[in-house]
N, C-alpha and C. Protein backbone atom coordinates (compact mmCIF):
# COMPACT_ATOMS: atom_id res chain seq x y z
N MET A 1 119.05 88.76 122.48
CA MET A 1 118.32 88.02 121.62
C MET A 1 116.71 88.69 121.85
N PRO A 2 116.07 89.29 120.91
CA PRO A 2 114.94 89.94 121.28
C PRO A 2 113.70 88.68 121.38
N LEU A 3 112.64 88.93 122.41
CA LEU A 3 111.80 87.62 122.54
C LEU A 3 110.76 87.85 121.46
N ILE A 4 110.43 88.86 121.23
CA ILE A 4 109.21 89.07 120.36
C ILE A 4 109.77 89.57 119.05
N GLU A 5 109.78 88.76 118.05
CA GLU A 5 110.29 89.21 116.73
C GLU A 5 109.78 88.01 115.56
N VAL A 6 109.86 88.27 114.19
CA VAL A 6 109.03 87.96 113.21
C VAL A 6 109.78 86.21 113.07
N GLY A 7 109.13 85.19 113.46
CA GLY A 7 109.67 83.91 113.15
C GLY A 7 109.92 83.44 114.73
N ARG A 8 109.71 83.89 115.59
CA ARG A 8 109.72 83.21 116.87
C ARG A 8 108.66 82.37 117.15
N ILE A 9 109.02 81.03 117.72
CA ILE A 9 108.06 80.06 118.16
C ILE A 9 107.56 80.72 119.52
N CYS A 10 106.28 80.46 119.56
CA CYS A 10 105.70 80.80 121.04
C CYS A 10 104.54 79.53 121.55
N VAL A 11 104.01 79.55 122.76
CA VAL A 11 103.43 78.81 123.09
C VAL A 11 102.11 79.84 123.59
N LYS A 12 100.86 79.47 123.02
CA LYS A 12 99.87 80.27 123.44
C LYS A 12 99.57 79.91 125.21
N THR A 13 99.35 81.05 126.13
CA THR A 13 99.12 80.89 127.26
C THR A 13 97.68 81.17 127.47
N ARG A 14 96.79 81.84 126.74
CA ARG A 14 95.38 82.13 127.07
C ARG A 14 94.47 81.52 126.23
N GLY A 15 93.24 81.54 126.43
CA GLY A 15 92.22 81.41 125.56
C GLY A 15 92.03 79.88 124.82
N ARG A 16 91.03 79.68 124.00
CA ARG A 16 90.77 78.52 123.33
C ARG A 16 92.26 77.58 122.80
N GLU A 17 93.03 78.29 122.54
CA GLU A 17 94.22 77.57 121.71
C GLU A 17 95.49 77.55 122.82
N ALA A 18 95.09 77.72 124.17
CA ALA A 18 96.35 77.59 125.24
C ALA A 18 96.81 76.39 125.21
N GLY A 19 98.42 76.46 125.27
CA GLY A 19 99.35 75.34 125.32
C GLY A 19 99.58 74.88 123.76
N ARG A 20 99.11 75.60 122.62
CA ARG A 20 99.51 75.18 121.54
C ARG A 20 100.76 76.02 120.97
N ARG A 21 101.41 75.52 120.18
CA ARG A 21 102.65 76.23 119.54
C ARG A 21 102.11 77.08 118.46
N CYS A 22 102.86 78.26 118.19
CA CYS A 22 102.34 79.29 116.96
C CYS A 22 103.63 79.89 116.66
N VAL A 23 103.59 80.75 115.63
CA VAL A 23 104.65 81.47 115.01
C VAL A 23 104.52 82.85 114.55
N ILE A 24 105.16 83.86 115.24
CA ILE A 24 104.94 85.21 114.99
C ILE A 24 105.19 85.62 113.56
N VAL A 25 104.25 86.00 112.85
CA VAL A 25 104.63 86.37 111.37
C VAL A 25 104.60 87.78 110.82
N ASP A 26 103.98 88.65 112.05
CA ASP A 26 104.11 90.15 111.86
C ASP A 26 103.96 90.89 113.32
N ILE A 27 104.54 91.86 113.57
CA ILE A 27 104.53 92.52 114.74
C ILE A 27 103.37 93.84 114.29
N ILE A 28 102.50 94.02 114.86
CA ILE A 28 101.36 95.02 114.50
C ILE A 28 101.76 96.30 115.13
N ASP A 29 101.90 96.01 116.78
CA ASP A 29 102.44 97.28 117.22
C ASP A 29 103.20 96.86 118.63
N ARG A 30 103.12 97.58 119.69
CA ARG A 30 103.90 96.99 121.05
C ARG A 30 103.08 96.08 121.61
N ASN A 31 101.81 95.97 121.55
CA ASN A 31 101.10 94.96 122.30
C ASN A 31 100.63 93.70 121.70
N PHE A 32 100.38 93.92 120.44
CA PHE A 32 99.95 92.81 119.37
C PHE A 32 100.77 92.51 118.33
N VAL A 33 100.87 90.91 118.45
CA VAL A 33 101.30 90.61 116.93
C VAL A 33 100.43 89.58 116.24
N LEU A 34 100.87 89.34 114.75
CA LEU A 34 100.14 88.48 114.11
C LEU A 34 100.88 86.91 113.99
N ILE A 35 100.11 85.91 114.49
CA ILE A 35 100.51 84.47 114.62
C ILE A 35 99.67 83.68 113.78
N THR A 36 100.32 82.44 113.37
CA THR A 36 99.87 81.40 112.78
C THR A 36 100.26 79.96 113.36
N GLY A 37 99.55 79.08 113.21
CA GLY A 37 99.77 77.86 113.64
C GLY A 37 100.87 76.97 112.67
N PRO A 38 100.67 76.86 111.49
CA PRO A 38 99.27 77.12 110.66
C PRO A 38 98.50 76.16 111.20
N ARG A 39 96.98 76.76 110.88
CA ARG A 39 95.94 75.62 111.60
C ARG A 39 95.89 74.48 111.47
N ASP A 40 96.28 73.72 110.21
CA ASP A 40 96.07 72.47 110.16
C ASP A 40 97.38 71.64 110.67
N VAL A 41 98.18 72.60 111.27
CA VAL A 41 99.51 71.83 111.74
C VAL A 41 99.30 71.95 113.35
N THR A 42 99.11 72.96 113.88
CA THR A 42 98.98 72.86 115.30
C THR A 42 97.61 73.21 115.89
N GLY A 43 96.64 73.81 114.94
CA GLY A 43 95.18 74.09 115.39
C GLY A 43 95.03 75.27 115.61
N VAL A 44 96.09 76.36 115.62
CA VAL A 44 96.36 77.92 115.64
C VAL A 44 95.88 78.42 114.61
N ARG A 45 94.80 79.16 114.37
CA ARG A 45 94.51 80.07 113.07
C ARG A 45 95.44 81.19 113.07
N ARG A 46 95.39 81.63 111.87
CA ARG A 46 96.10 82.89 111.72
C ARG A 46 95.06 84.13 112.30
N ARG A 47 95.75 84.75 113.41
CA ARG A 47 94.98 85.88 114.07
C ARG A 47 96.03 86.90 114.63
N ARG A 48 95.39 88.08 115.43
CA ARG A 48 96.09 88.86 115.92
C ARG A 48 96.10 88.42 117.60
N ALA A 49 97.17 88.48 118.19
CA ALA A 49 97.44 88.11 119.54
C ALA A 49 98.06 89.06 120.46
N ASN A 50 97.72 89.06 121.52
CA ASN A 50 98.34 90.07 122.59
C ASN A 50 99.65 89.40 123.06
N ILE A 51 100.69 90.04 122.91
CA ILE A 51 102.08 89.45 123.46
C ILE A 51 101.73 88.99 124.70
N ASP A 52 101.09 89.54 125.77
CA ASP A 52 101.01 89.05 127.21
C ASP A 52 100.50 87.74 127.21
N HIS A 53 99.98 87.30 126.30
CA HIS A 53 99.45 85.87 125.98
C HIS A 53 99.89 84.79 125.35
N LEU A 54 101.44 85.24 125.10
CA LEU A 54 102.31 84.38 124.21
C LEU A 54 103.56 84.26 125.28
N LYS A 55 103.95 82.90 125.23
CA LYS A 55 105.28 82.54 125.84
C LYS A 55 106.33 82.23 124.90
N PRO A 56 107.38 83.03 124.58
CA PRO A 56 108.38 82.78 123.59
C PRO A 56 109.12 81.63 123.85
N LEU A 57 109.40 80.79 123.04
CA LEU A 57 110.40 79.73 123.03
C LEU A 57 112.01 80.27 122.58
N ASP A 58 112.86 79.44 122.64
CA ASP A 58 114.00 79.63 122.04
C ASP A 58 114.37 79.62 120.81
N GLU A 59 113.39 78.76 120.19
CA GLU A 59 113.42 78.46 118.62
C GLU A 59 113.01 79.47 117.83
N LYS A 60 113.37 79.46 116.65
CA LYS A 60 112.93 80.69 115.67
C LYS A 60 113.22 80.34 114.19
N ILE A 61 112.17 80.40 113.41
CA ILE A 61 112.48 80.13 112.09
C ILE A 61 112.77 81.24 111.14
N ASP A 62 113.33 81.01 110.00
CA ASP A 62 113.77 82.19 109.17
C ASP A 62 112.63 82.34 108.14
N ILE A 63 111.67 83.10 108.42
CA ILE A 63 110.60 83.86 107.61
C ILE A 63 110.56 85.28 107.40
N ARG A 64 109.95 85.97 106.37
CA ARG A 64 109.79 87.27 106.03
C ARG A 64 108.40 87.82 106.94
N PRO A 65 108.35 89.06 107.35
CA PRO A 65 107.33 89.59 107.76
C PRO A 65 106.19 89.34 106.90
N GLY A 66 104.98 88.93 107.38
CA GLY A 66 103.82 88.57 106.67
C GLY A 66 103.79 87.27 105.92
N ALA A 67 104.40 86.53 105.96
CA ALA A 67 104.65 85.06 105.39
C ALA A 67 103.48 84.69 105.49
N SER A 68 103.07 83.86 104.41
CA SER A 68 101.89 83.08 104.39
C SER A 68 102.17 81.59 105.23
N ASP A 69 101.01 81.04 105.26
CA ASP A 69 100.69 79.74 105.96
C ASP A 69 101.52 78.96 105.36
N GLU A 70 101.50 78.76 103.97
CA GLU A 70 102.67 77.94 103.32
C GLU A 70 104.01 78.12 103.44
N GLU A 71 104.74 79.34 103.40
CA GLU A 71 105.83 79.65 103.66
C GLU A 71 106.26 79.40 105.09
N VAL A 72 105.47 79.42 106.12
CA VAL A 72 105.57 78.90 107.33
C VAL A 72 105.90 77.72 107.24
N LYS A 73 104.94 76.87 106.85
CA LYS A 73 104.97 75.23 106.71
C LYS A 73 106.58 74.93 105.77
N ALA A 74 106.72 75.60 105.03
CA ALA A 74 108.04 75.35 104.39
C ALA A 74 109.24 75.72 105.25
N ALA A 75 109.27 76.67 106.13
CA ALA A 75 110.56 77.12 106.77
C ALA A 75 110.44 76.14 108.23
N LEU A 76 109.41 75.34 108.29
CA LEU A 76 109.24 74.40 109.49
C LEU A 76 109.72 73.00 109.05
N GLY A 77 109.94 72.81 107.79
CA GLY A 77 110.11 71.64 107.03
C GLY A 77 109.01 70.69 106.86
N LEU A 78 107.95 71.27 106.85
CA LEU A 78 106.73 70.33 106.85
C LEU A 78 106.19 70.38 105.06
N LYS A 79 105.61 69.34 104.96
CA LYS A 79 105.22 69.20 103.39
C LYS A 79 103.71 69.81 103.40
N THR A 80 103.71 70.69 102.18
CA THR A 80 102.62 71.44 101.81
C THR A 80 101.86 70.50 100.84
N GLU A 81 100.66 70.60 100.70
CA GLU A 81 99.59 70.00 99.76
C GLU A 81 100.36 69.98 98.43
N GLY A 82 100.52 68.78 97.82
CA GLY A 82 100.94 68.87 96.34
C GLY A 82 102.62 68.95 96.24
N GLN A 83 103.03 69.40 97.14
CA GLN A 83 104.64 69.61 96.79
C GLN A 83 105.32 69.21 98.06
N PRO A 84 106.68 68.69 97.38
CA PRO A 84 107.78 67.70 98.42
C PRO A 84 108.03 68.81 99.62
N SER A 85 108.33 67.92 100.55
CA SER A 85 108.96 69.20 101.45
C SER A 85 110.40 69.25 101.35
N GLN A 86 111.11 70.35 101.75
CA GLN A 86 112.48 70.79 101.32
C GLN A 86 113.32 69.46 101.82
N ASP A 87 113.21 68.73 102.82
CA ASP A 87 114.20 67.81 103.29
C ASP A 87 113.99 66.62 102.36
N SER A 88 113.23 66.39 101.52
CA SER A 88 112.92 65.17 100.75
C SER A 88 113.75 65.28 99.47
N LYS A 89 114.18 66.74 99.14
CA LYS A 89 114.88 66.66 97.92
C LYS A 89 116.42 66.34 98.11
N SER A 90 117.09 65.43 97.13
CA SER A 90 118.24 64.90 97.31
C SER A 90 119.16 65.66 96.26
């Protein structure tokens, strides 16, 4: 199981967003990744983060590299504005 991969849920360990959960959206290089909360869900805005400032969790969602915040919300099973969540469809 790779620890740093697209879709991995992490906890930020440093900075003003320390203690908040985020999702790795893309890998920039061996030291940095692109993360998102999304902001309206966890308070973590989409930004570049040092992998040393993230604690990977066992949880992983299925998203494509570079996924939008709306795609991340859908993968998490959250309702996006004006659209029903995937769980509410019967």
